[in-house]
All heavy atoms as atom14 arrays in JSON, in Angstrom:
{
  "sequence": "AQLGTKYTYQTISALKKNFPKTDFLWICGMDNALIFHKWDKWKRV",
  "atom14_mask": [
    [1, 1, 1, 1, 1, 0, 0, 0, 0, 0, 0, 0, 0, 0],
    [1, 1, 1, 1, 1, 1, 1, 1, 1, 0, 0, 0, 0, 0],
    [1, 1, 1, 1, 1, 1, 1, 1, 0, 0, 0, 0, 0, 0],
    [1, 1, 1, 1, 0, 0, 0, 0, 0, 0, 0, 0, 0, 0],
    [1, 1, 1, 1, 1, 1, 1, 0, 0, 0, 0, 0, 0, 0],
    [1, 1, 1, 1, 1, 1, 1, 1, 1, 0, 0, 0, 0, 0],
    [1, 1, 1, 1, 1, 1, 1, 1, 1, 1, 1, 1, 0, 0],
    [1, 1, 1, 1, 1, 1, 1, 0, 0, 0, 0, 0, 0, 0],
    [1, 1, 1, 1, 1, 1, 1, 1, 1, 1, 1, 1, 0, 0],
    [1, 1, 1, 1, 1, 1, 1, 1, 1, 0, 0, 0, 0, 0],
    [1, 1, 1, 1, 1, 1, 1, 0, 0, 0, 0, 0, 0, 0],
    [1, 1, 1, 1, 1, 1, 1, 1, 0, 0, 0, 0, 0, 0],
    [1, 1, 1, 1, 1, 1, 0, 0, 0, 0, 0, 0, 0, 0],
    [1, 1, 1, 1, 1, 0, 0, 0, 0, 0, 0, 0, 0, 0],
    [1, 1, 1, 1, 1, 1, 1, 1, 0, 0, 0, 0, 0, 0],
    [1, 1, 1, 1, 1, 1, 1, 1, 1, 0, 0, 0, 0, 0],
    [1, 1, 1, 1, 1, 1, 1, 1, 1, 0, 0, 0, 0, 0],
    [1, 1, 1, 1, 1, 1, 1, 1, 0, 0, 0, 0, 0, 0],
    [1, 1, 1, 1, 1, 1, 1, 1, 1, 1, 1, 0, 0, 0],
    [1, 1, 1, 1, 1, 1, 1, 0, 0, 0, 0, 0, 0, 0],
    [1, 1, 1, 1, 1, 1, 1, 1, 1, 0, 0, 0, 0, 0],
    [1, 1, 1, 1, 1, 1, 1, 0, 0, 0, 0, 0, 0, 0],
    [1, 1, 1, 1, 1, 1, 1, 1, 0, 0, 0, 0, 0, 0],
    [1, 1, 1, 1, 1, 1, 1, 1, 1, 1, 1, 0, 0, 0],
    [1, 1, 1, 1, 1, 1, 1, 1, 0, 0, 0, 0, 0, 0],
    [1, 1, 1, 1, 1, 1, 1, 1, 1, 1, 1, 1, 1, 1],
    [1, 1, 1, 1, 1, 1, 1, 1, 0, 0, 0, 0, 0, 0],
    [1, 1, 1, 1, 1, 1, 0, 0, 0, 0, 0, 0, 0, 0],
    [1, 1, 1, 1, 0, 0, 0, 0, 0, 0, 0, 0, 0, 0],
    [1, 1, 1, 1, 1, 1, 1, 1, 0, 0, 0, 0, 0, 0],
    [1, 1, 1, 1, 1, 1, 1, 1, 0, 0, 0, 0, 0, 0],
    [1, 1, 1, 1, 1, 1, 1, 1, 0, 0, 0, 0, 0, 0],
    [1, 1, 1, 1, 1, 0, 0, 0, 0, 0, 0, 0, 0, 0],
    [1, 1, 1, 1, 1, 1, 1, 1, 0, 0, 0, 0, 0, 0],
    [1, 1, 1, 1, 1, 1, 1, 1, 0, 0, 0, 0, 0, 0],
    [1, 1, 1, 1, 1, 1, 1, 1, 1, 1, 1, 0, 0, 0],
    [1, 1, 1, 1, 1, 1, 1, 1, 1, 1, 0, 0, 0, 0],
    [1, 1, 1, 1, 1, 1, 1, 1, 1, 0, 0, 0, 0, 0],
    [1, 1, 1, 1, 1, 1, 1, 1, 1, 1, 1, 1, 1, 1],
    [1, 1, 1, 1, 1, 1, 1, 1, 0, 0, 0, 0, 0, 0],
    [1, 1, 1, 1, 1, 1, 1, 1, 1, 0, 0, 0, 0, 0],
    [1, 1, 1, 1, 1, 1, 1, 1, 1, 1, 1, 1, 1, 1],
    [1, 1, 1, 1, 1, 1, 1, 1, 1, 0, 0, 0, 0, 0],
    [1, 1, 1, 1, 1, 1, 1, 1, 1, 1, 1, 0, 0, 0],
    [1, 1, 1, 1, 1, 1, 1, 0, 0, 0, 0, 0, 0, 0]
  ],
  "atom14_positions": [
    [[12.36, -2.76, 0.19], [13.6, -3.02, 0.94], [14.29, -1.71, 1.28], [14.83, -1.53, 2.36], [14.5, -3.94, 0.14], [0.0, 0.0, 0.0], [0.0, 0.0, 0.0], [0.0, 0.0, 0.0], [0.0, 0.0, 0.0], [0.0, 0.0, 0.0], [0.0, 0.0, 0.0], [0.0, 0.0, 0.0], [0.0, 0.0, 0.0], [0.0, 0.0, 0.0]],
    [[14.29, -0.74, 0.29], [14.96, 0.55, 0.56], [14.18, 1.36, 1.58], [14.77, 2.03, 2.41], [15.01, 1.29, -0.79], [15.96, 0.7, -1.81], [15.81, 1.32, -3.19], [14.98, 2.19, -3.41], [16.63, 0.88, -4.12], [0.0, 0.0, 0.0], [0.0, 0.0, 0.0], [0.0, 0.0, 0.0], [0.0, 0.0, 0.0], [0.0, 0.0, 0.0]],
    [[12.85, 1.25, 1.51], [12.0, 2.02, 2.47], [12.07, 1.43, 3.88], [11.86, 2.14, 4.86], [10.59, 2.07, 2.0], [10.35, 2.91, 0.75], [8.94, 2.62, 0.21], [10.47, 4.4, 1.08], [0.0, 0.0, 0.0], [0.0, 0.0, 0.0], [0.0, 0.0, 0.0], [0.0, 0.0, 0.0], [0.0, 0.0, 0.0], [0.0, 0.0, 0.0]],
    [[12.28, 0.13, 3.94], [12.3, -0.54, 5.25], [10.89, -0.73, 5.81], [10.74, -0.82, 7.03], [0.0, 0.0, 0.0], [0.0, 0.0, 0.0], [0.0, 0.0, 0.0], [0.0, 0.0, 0.0], [0.0, 0.0, 0.0], [0.0, 0.0, 0.0], [0.0, 0.0, 0.0], [0.0, 0.0, 0.0], [0.0, 0.0, 0.0], [0.0, 0.0, 0.0]],
    [[9.9, -0.72, 4.92], [8.5, -0.85, 5.37], [8.06, -2.31, 5.41], [8.63, -3.13, 4.72], [7.55, -0.04, 4.43], [7.8, -0.45, 3.11], [7.8, 1.47, 4.57], [0.0, 0.0, 0.0], [0.0, 0.0, 0.0], [0.0, 0.0, 0.0], [0.0, 0.0, 0.0], [0.0, 0.0, 0.0], [0.0, 0.0, 0.0], [0.0, 0.0, 0.0]],
    [[7.05, -2.55, 6.21], [6.59, -3.94, 6.39], [5.16, -4.12, 5.9], [4.79, -5.2, 5.4], [6.67, -4.27, 7.89], [6.25, -5.7, 8.26], [6.4, -5.99, 9.72], [6.01, -7.4, 10.06], [6.14, -7.66, 11.54], [0.0, 0.0, 0.0], [0.0, 0.0, 0.0], [0.0, 0.0, 0.0], [0.0, 0.0, 0.0], [0.0, 0.0, 0.0]],
    [[4.35, -3.06, 6.04], [2.94, -3.17, 5.67], [2.66, -2.26, 4.48], [3.33, -1.26, 4.24], [2.05, -2.74, 6.86], [2.21, -3.64, 8.05], [2.98, -3.24, 9.13], [1.56, -4.87, 8.12], [3.13, -4.05, 10.26], [1.68, -5.71, 9.21], [2.49, -5.25, 10.28], [2.63, -6.08, 11.41], [0.0, 0.0, 0.0], [0.0, 0.0, 0.0]],
    [[1.63, -2.67, 3.69], [1.25, -1.88, 2.51], [0.96, -0.45, 2.8], [1.34, 0.5, 2.11], [0.04, -2.52, 1.8], [0.39, -3.88, 1.41], [-0.35, -1.76, 0.54], [0.0, 0.0, 0.0], [0.0, 0.0, 0.0], [0.0, 0.0, 0.0], [0.0, 0.0, 0.0], [0.0, 0.0, 0.0], [0.0, 0.0, 0.0], [0.0, 0.0, 0.0]],
    [[0.26, -0.22, 3.96], [-0.04, 1.14, 4.37], [1.23, 1.98, 4.52], [1.3, 3.15, 4.08], [-0.78, 1.11, 5.69], [-0.93, 2.45, 6.36], [-1.86, 3.4, 5.87], [-0.1, 2.83, 7.46], [-1.97, 4.66, 6.44], [-0.23, 4.09, 8.02], [-1.15, 4.99, 7.53], [-1.22, 6.24, 8.1], [0.0, 0.0, 0.0], [0.0, 0.0, 0.0]],
    [[2.25, 1.39, 5.11], [3.5, 2.14, 5.29], [4.2, 2.4, 3.96], [4.72, 3.47, 3.73], [4.43, 1.32, 6.21], [3.9, 1.08, 7.6], [4.79, 0.06, 8.39], [5.43, -0.79, 7.81], [4.79, 0.24, 9.7], [0.0, 0.0, 0.0], [0.0, 0.0, 0.0], [0.0, 0.0, 0.0], [0.0, 0.0, 0.0], [0.0, 0.0, 0.0]],
    [[4.14, 1.39, 3.1], [4.81, 1.52, 1.79], [4.1, 2.6, 0.95], [4.79, 3.47, 0.33], [4.73, 0.16, 1.0], [5.44, -0.82, 1.77], [5.37, 0.29, -0.37], [0.0, 0.0, 0.0], [0.0, 0.0, 0.0], [0.0, 0.0, 0.0], [0.0, 0.0, 0.0], [0.0, 0.0, 0.0], [0.0, 0.0, 0.0], [0.0, 0.0, 0.0]],
    [[2.8, 2.59, 0.91], [2.05, 3.61, 0.17], [2.31, 4.99, 0.69], [2.56, 5.96, -0.07], [0.53, 3.29, 0.21], [0.24, 2.08, -0.71], [-0.28, 4.49, -0.26], [-1.21, 1.63, -0.68], [0.0, 0.0, 0.0], [0.0, 0.0, 0.0], [0.0, 0.0, 0.0], [0.0, 0.0, 0.0], [0.0, 0.0, 0.0], [0.0, 0.0, 0.0]],
    [[2.25, 5.12, 2.05], [2.55, 6.43, 2.65], [3.93, 6.93, 2.24], [4.1, 8.12, 1.87], [2.47, 6.32, 4.16], [1.16, 5.96, 4.6], [0.0, 0.0, 0.0], [0.0, 0.0, 0.0], [0.0, 0.0, 0.0], [0.0, 0.0, 0.0], [0.0, 0.0, 0.0], [0.0, 0.0, 0.0], [0.0, 0.0, 0.0], [0.0, 0.0, 0.0]],
    [[4.92, 6.09, 2.29], [6.3, 6.48, 1.98], [6.45, 6.83, 0.49], [7.16, 7.77, 0.12], [7.26, 5.38, 2.36], [0.0, 0.0, 0.0], [0.0, 0.0, 0.0], [0.0, 0.0, 0.0], [0.0, 0.0, 0.0], [0.0, 0.0, 0.0], [0.0, 0.0, 0.0], [0.0, 0.0, 0.0], [0.0, 0.0, 0.0], [0.0, 0.0, 0.0]],
    [[5.8, 6.01, -0.39], [5.91, 6.3, -1.83], [5.25, 7.63, -2.19], [5.81, 8.42, -3.0], [5.29, 5.16, -2.62], [6.04, 3.85, -2.64], [5.28, 2.77, -3.37], [7.43, 4.04, -3.28], [0.0, 0.0, 0.0], [0.0, 0.0, 0.0], [0.0, 0.0, 0.0], [0.0, 0.0, 0.0], [0.0, 0.0, 0.0], [0.0, 0.0, 0.0]],
    [[4.1, 7.9, -1.61], [3.44, 9.19, -1.87], [4.28, 10.37, -1.38], [4.25, 11.42, -1.99], [2.05, 9.17, -1.28], [1.06, 8.28, -1.98], [-0.28, 8.16, -1.24], [-1.05, 9.51, -1.32], [-1.54, 9.7, -2.69], [0.0, 0.0, 0.0], [0.0, 0.0, 0.0], [0.0, 0.0, 0.0], [0.0, 0.0, 0.0], [0.0, 0.0, 0.0]],
    [[4.96, 10.16, -0.29], [5.83, 11.21, 0.25], [7.07, 11.42, -0.65], [7.48, 12.55, -0.88], [6.26, 10.89, 1.68], [7.15, 11.88, 2.3], [7.53, 11.5, 3.75], [8.44, 12.53, 4.39], [8.8, 12.14, 5.77], [0.0, 0.0, 0.0], [0.0, 0.0, 0.0], [0.0, 0.0, 0.0], [0.0, 0.0, 0.0], [0.0, 0.0, 0.0]],
    [[7.65, 10.33, -1.12], [8.89, 10.4, -1.87], [8.64, 10.74, -3.35], [9.53, 11.23, -4.01], [9.66, 9.1, -1.75], [10.4, 8.97, -0.48], [11.5, 9.45, -0.27], [9.79, 8.29, 0.52], [0.0, 0.0, 0.0], [0.0, 0.0, 0.0], [0.0, 0.0, 0.0], [0.0, 0.0, 0.0], [0.0, 0.0, 0.0], [0.0, 0.0, 0.0]],
    [[7.46, 10.45, -3.86], [7.1, 10.69, -5.27], [5.82, 11.51, -5.3], [4.79, 11.05, -5.8], [6.94, 9.38, -6.0], [8.2, 8.52, -6.08], [8.44, 7.63, -5.01], [9.07, 8.62, -7.11], [9.55, 6.81, -5.05], [10.21, 7.83, -7.15], [10.47, 6.91, -6.1], [0.0, 0.0, 0.0], [0.0, 0.0, 0.0], [0.0, 0.0, 0.0]],
    [[5.87, 12.76, -4.79], [4.64, 13.54, -4.63], [3.93, 13.94, -5.93], [2.75, 14.29, -5.9], [5.12, 14.77, -3.84], [6.53, 14.92, -4.27], [7.06, 13.48, -4.37], [0.0, 0.0, 0.0], [0.0, 0.0, 0.0], [0.0, 0.0, 0.0], [0.0, 0.0, 0.0], [0.0, 0.0, 0.0], [0.0, 0.0, 0.0], [0.0, 0.0, 0.0]],
    [[4.66, 13.92, -7.06], [4.07, 14.37, -8.32], [3.78, 13.17, -9.27], [3.61, 13.38, -10.47], [4.98, 15.4, -8.99], [5.16, 16.66, -8.17], [6.01, 17.7, -8.92], [6.17, 18.96, -8.08], [6.99, 20.0, -8.81], [0.0, 0.0, 0.0], [0.0, 0.0, 0.0], [0.0, 0.0, 0.0], [0.0, 0.0, 0.0], [0.0, 0.0, 0.0]],
    [[3.74, 11.99, -8.7], [3.41, 10.79, -9.47], [2.06, 10.27, -9.04], [1.75, 10.23, -7.85], [4.53, 9.71, -9.23], [5.78, 10.23, -9.58], [4.23, 8.49, -10.08], [0.0, 0.0, 0.0], [0.0, 0.0, 0.0], [0.0, 0.0, 0.0], [0.0, 0.0, 0.0], [0.0, 0.0, 0.0], [0.0, 0.0, 0.0], [0.0, 0.0, 0.0]],
    [[1.28, 9.8, -9.99], [-0.04, 9.22, -9.7], [0.11, 7.7, -9.7], [0.6, 7.09, -10.65], [-1.04, 9.63, -10.78], [-1.38, 11.1, -10.75], [-1.3, 11.7, -9.67], [-1.64, 11.68, -11.81], [0.0, 0.0, 0.0], [0.0, 0.0, 0.0], [0.0, 0.0, 0.0], [0.0, 0.0, 0.0], [0.0, 0.0, 0.0], [0.0, 0.0, 0.0]],
    [[-0.36, 7.1, -8.56], [-0.21, 5.66, -8.39], [-1.53, 4.92, -8.36], [-2.59, 5.45, -8.04], [0.49, 5.4, -7.05], [1.91, 5.79, -6.98], [2.34, 6.83, -6.18], [2.89, 5.13, -7.78], [3.68, 7.21, -6.1], [4.22, 5.52, -7.73], [4.63, 6.55, -6.9], [0.0, 0.0, 0.0], [0.0, 0.0, 0.0], [0.0, 0.0, 0.0]],
    [[-1.45, 3.65, -8.77], [-2.56, 2.72, -8.71], [-2.07, 1.42, -8.1], [-1.05, 0.86, -8.58], [-3.16, 2.43, -10.1], [-4.14, 1.25, -10.22], [-5.49, 1.66, -9.68], [-4.26, 0.79, -11.67], [0.0, 0.0, 0.0], [0.0, 0.0, 0.0], [0.0, 0.0, 0.0], [0.0, 0.0, 0.0], [0.0, 0.0, 0.0], [0.0, 0.0, 0.0]],
    [[-2.7, 0.9, -7.05], [-2.3, -0.38, -6.47], [-2.97, -1.5, -7.19], [-4.22, -1.45, -7.43], [-2.58, -0.42, -4.98], [-1.87, -1.54, -4.3], [-2.37, -2.81, -4.05], [-0.56, -1.52, -3.77], [-1.43, -3.57, -3.4], [-0.29, -2.79, -3.22], [0.46, -0.56, -3.69], [0.92, -3.14, -2.62], [1.66, -0.88, -3.11], [1.88, -2.15, -2.58]],
    [[-2.23, -2.5, -7.6], [-2.76, -3.62, -8.39], [-2.76, -4.9, -7.57], [-1.75, -5.27, -6.94], [-1.91, -3.88, -9.64], [-1.79, -2.59, -10.47], [-2.44, -4.99, -10.48], [-0.74, -2.62, -11.57], [0.0, 0.0, 0.0], [0.0, 0.0, 0.0], [0.0, 0.0, 0.0], [0.0, 0.0, 0.0], [0.0, 0.0, 0.0], [0.0, 0.0, 0.0]],
    [[-3.92, -5.61, -7.54], [-4.04, -6.84, -6.79], [-4.73, -7.93, -7.61], [-5.57, -7.61, -8.48], [-4.87, -6.64, -5.55], [-4.02, -5.83, -4.15], [0.0, 0.0, 0.0], [0.0, 0.0, 0.0], [0.0, 0.0, 0.0], [0.0, 0.0, 0.0], [0.0, 0.0, 0.0], [0.0, 0.0, 0.0], [0.0, 0.0, 0.0], [0.0, 0.0, 0.0]],
    [[-4.44, -9.17, -7.29], [-5.24, -10.27, -7.8], [-6.51, -10.35, -7.0], [-6.56, -9.87, -5.86], [0.0, 0.0, 0.0], [0.0, 0.0, 0.0], [0.0, 0.0, 0.0], [0.0, 0.0, 0.0], [0.0, 0.0, 0.0], [0.0, 0.0, 0.0], [0.0, 0.0, 0.0], [0.0, 0.0, 0.0], [0.0, 0.0, 0.0], [0.0, 0.0, 0.0]],
    [[-7.55, -10.95, -7.59], [-8.83, -11.01, -6.88], [-8.76, -11.79, -5.56], [-9.52, -11.5, -4.64], [-9.91, -11.67, -7.82], [-11.32, -11.5, -7.29], [-11.86, -9.79, -7.29], [-11.94, -9.41, -9.04], [0.0, 0.0, 0.0], [0.0, 0.0, 0.0], [0.0, 0.0, 0.0], [0.0, 0.0, 0.0], [0.0, 0.0, 0.0], [0.0, 0.0, 0.0]],
    [[-7.83, -12.71, -5.42], [-7.75, -13.46, -4.18], [-7.44, -12.55, -3.01], [-7.82, -12.84, -1.86], [-6.71, -14.55, -4.33], [-5.32, -14.01, -4.72], [-5.26, -13.06, -5.48], [-4.32, -14.58, -4.26], [0.0, 0.0, 0.0], [0.0, 0.0, 0.0], [0.0, 0.0, 0.0], [0.0, 0.0, 0.0], [0.0, 0.0, 0.0], [0.0, 0.0, 0.0]],
    [[-6.79, -11.42, -3.28], [-6.45, -10.52, -2.18], [-7.72, -9.8, -1.62], [-7.69, -9.34, -0.48], [-5.45, -9.47, -2.64], [-4.01, -10.01, -2.62], [-3.5, -10.33, -1.57], [-3.4, -10.12, -3.75], [0.0, 0.0, 0.0], [0.0, 0.0, 0.0], [0.0, 0.0, 0.0], [0.0, 0.0, 0.0], [0.0, 0.0, 0.0], [0.0, 0.0, 0.0]],
    [[-8.75, -9.72, -2.46], [-9.99, -9.07, -2.0], [-10.57, -9.79, -0.8], [-11.18, -9.2, 0.06], [-10.98, -8.97, -3.13], [0.0, 0.0, 0.0], [0.0, 0.0, 0.0], [0.0, 0.0, 0.0], [0.0, 0.0, 0.0], [0.0, 0.0, 0.0], [0.0, 0.0, 0.0], [0.0, 0.0, 0.0], [0.0, 0.0, 0.0], [0.0, 0.0, 0.0]],
    [[-10.43, -11.14, -0.8], [-10.99, -11.94, 0.25], [-10.3, -11.75, 1.62], [-10.91, -11.98, 2.68], [-10.93, -13.45, -0.12], [-11.74, -13.84, -1.35], [-11.41, -15.27, -1.76], [-13.23, -13.69, -1.05], [0.0, 0.0, 0.0], [0.0, 0.0, 0.0], [0.0, 0.0, 0.0], [0.0, 0.0, 0.0], [0.0, 0.0, 0.0], [0.0, 0.0, 0.0]],
    [[-9.06, -11.29, 1.59], [-8.32, -11.13, 2.86], [-7.91, -9.72, 3.07], [-7.17, -9.38, 4.02], [-7.04, -11.98, 2.86], [-6.09, -11.63, 1.71], [-7.4, -13.48, 2.79], [-4.73, -12.27, 1.79], [0.0, 0.0, 0.0], [0.0, 0.0, 0.0], [0.0, 0.0, 0.0], [0.0, 0.0, 0.0], [0.0, 0.0, 0.0], [0.0, 0.0, 0.0]],
    [[-8.37, -8.78, 2.19], [-7.95, -7.43, 2.28], [-8.24, -6.77, 3.67], [-7.49, -5.93, 4.17], [-8.59, -6.55, 1.18], [-7.91, -5.26, 0.95], [-6.77, -5.17, 0.15], [-8.37, -4.08, 1.52], [-6.14, -3.96, -0.06], [-7.74, -2.89, 1.34], [-6.62, -2.83, 0.53], [0.0, 0.0, 0.0], [0.0, 0.0, 0.0], [0.0, 0.0, 0.0]],
    [[-9.35, -7.18, 4.27], [-9.7, -6.62, 5.56], [-8.77, -7.06, 6.7], [-8.85, -6.6, 7.82], [-11.18, -7.05, 5.94], [-11.36, -8.5, 6.04], [-11.43, -9.35, 4.91], [-11.51, -9.33, 7.1], [-11.61, -10.58, 5.29], [-11.67, -10.62, 6.66], [0.0, 0.0, 0.0], [0.0, 0.0, 0.0], [0.0, 0.0, 0.0], [0.0, 0.0, 0.0]],
    [[-7.86, -7.99, 6.38], [-6.85, -8.42, 7.36], [-5.57, -7.59, 7.24], [-4.67, -7.7, 8.08], [-6.51, -9.89, 7.19], [-7.7, -10.82, 7.46], [-7.32, -12.28, 7.3], [-8.47, -13.2, 7.56], [-8.12, -14.64, 7.41], [0.0, 0.0, 0.0], [0.0, 0.0, 0.0], [0.0, 0.0, 0.0], [0.0, 0.0, 0.0], [0.0, 0.0, 0.0]],
    [[-5.48, -6.78, 6.16], [-4.3, -5.92, 6.01], [-4.28, -4.85, 7.07], [-5.33, -4.37, 7.52], [-4.3, -5.3, 4.63], [-4.09, -6.23, 3.49], [-4.33, -7.55, 3.46], [-3.63, -5.87, 2.2], [-4.03, -8.06, 2.21], [-3.6, -7.05, 1.42], [-3.23, -4.63, 1.58], [-3.21, -7.05, 0.08], [-2.83, -4.68, 0.25], [-2.82, -5.84, -0.49]],
    [[-3.12, -4.48, 7.46], [-2.93, -3.37, 8.43], [-3.51, -2.07, 7.9], [-3.18, -1.66, 6.78], [-1.47, -3.2, 8.79], [-1.24, -2.17, 9.88], [-1.73, -2.33, 10.98], [-0.52, -1.17, 9.59], [0.0, 0.0, 0.0], [0.0, 0.0, 0.0], [0.0, 0.0, 0.0], [0.0, 0.0, 0.0], [0.0, 0.0, 0.0], [0.0, 0.0, 0.0]],
    [[-4.4, -1.45, 8.7], [-5.05, -0.18, 8.3], [-5.63, -0.21, 6.87], [-5.47, 0.65, 6.09], [-4.04, 0.94, 8.39], [-3.47, 1.12, 9.82], [-2.49, 2.31, 9.92], [-1.94, 2.41, 11.3], [-0.98, 3.55, 11.46], [0.0, 0.0, 0.0], [0.0, 0.0, 0.0], [0.0, 0.0, 0.0], [0.0, 0.0, 0.0], [0.0, 0.0, 0.0]],
    [[-6.37, -1.3, 6.6], [-6.84, -1.54, 5.27], [-7.78, -0.48, 4.72], [-7.75, -0.09, 3.55], [-7.49, -2.92, 5.14], [-8.75, -3.12, 5.95], [-8.83, -3.41, 7.3], [-10.1, -3.06, 5.51], [-10.16, -3.51, 7.7], [-10.92, -3.32, 6.6], [-10.72, -2.85, 4.24], [-12.31, -3.36, 6.51], [-12.08, -2.86, 4.14], [-12.87, -3.12, 5.28]],
    [[-8.63, 0.09, 5.62], [-9.54, 1.15, 5.16], [-8.73, 2.43, 4.82], [-9.13, 3.15, 3.88], [-10.59, 1.47, 6.26], [-11.59, 0.33, 6.47], [-12.64, 0.68, 7.48], [-13.66, -0.43, 7.63], [-14.7, -0.08, 8.69], [0.0, 0.0, 0.0], [0.0, 0.0, 0.0], [0.0, 0.0, 0.0], [0.0, 0.0, 0.0], [0.0, 0.0, 0.0]],
    [[-7.7, 2.67, 5.57], [-6.87, 3.84, 5.29], [-6.15, 3.68, 3.93], [-6.0, 4.63, 3.19], [-5.85, 4.03, 6.41], [-5.01, 5.28, 6.26], [-5.85, 6.53, 6.59], [-5.09, 7.74, 6.38], [-5.2, 8.49, 5.31], [-6.02, 8.19, 4.35], [-4.47, 9.61, 5.2], [0.0, 0.0, 0.0], [0.0, 0.0, 0.0], [0.0, 0.0, 0.0]],
    [[-5.75, 2.43, 3.64], [-5.09, 2.16, 2.34], [-6.04, 2.55, 1.2], [-5.62, 3.21, 0.25], [-4.73, 0.66, 2.24], [-4.31, 0.29, 0.79], [-3.59, 0.31, 3.21], [0.0, 0.0, 0.0], [0.0, 0.0, 0.0], [0.0, 0.0, 0.0], [0.0, 0.0, 0.0], [0.0, 0.0, 0.0], [0.0, 0.0, 0.0], [0.0, 0.0, 0.0]]
  ]
}
């Protein structure tokens, strides 16, 4: 909400920019694997 982002790609990009010295891991349930290719810029994510 603070970032004003809509897609995961945008959120990840913004978090890496704002927290450059923090190491991140994105966590998903397995059900998301079935639809992950529908995410915006999923390969870039």
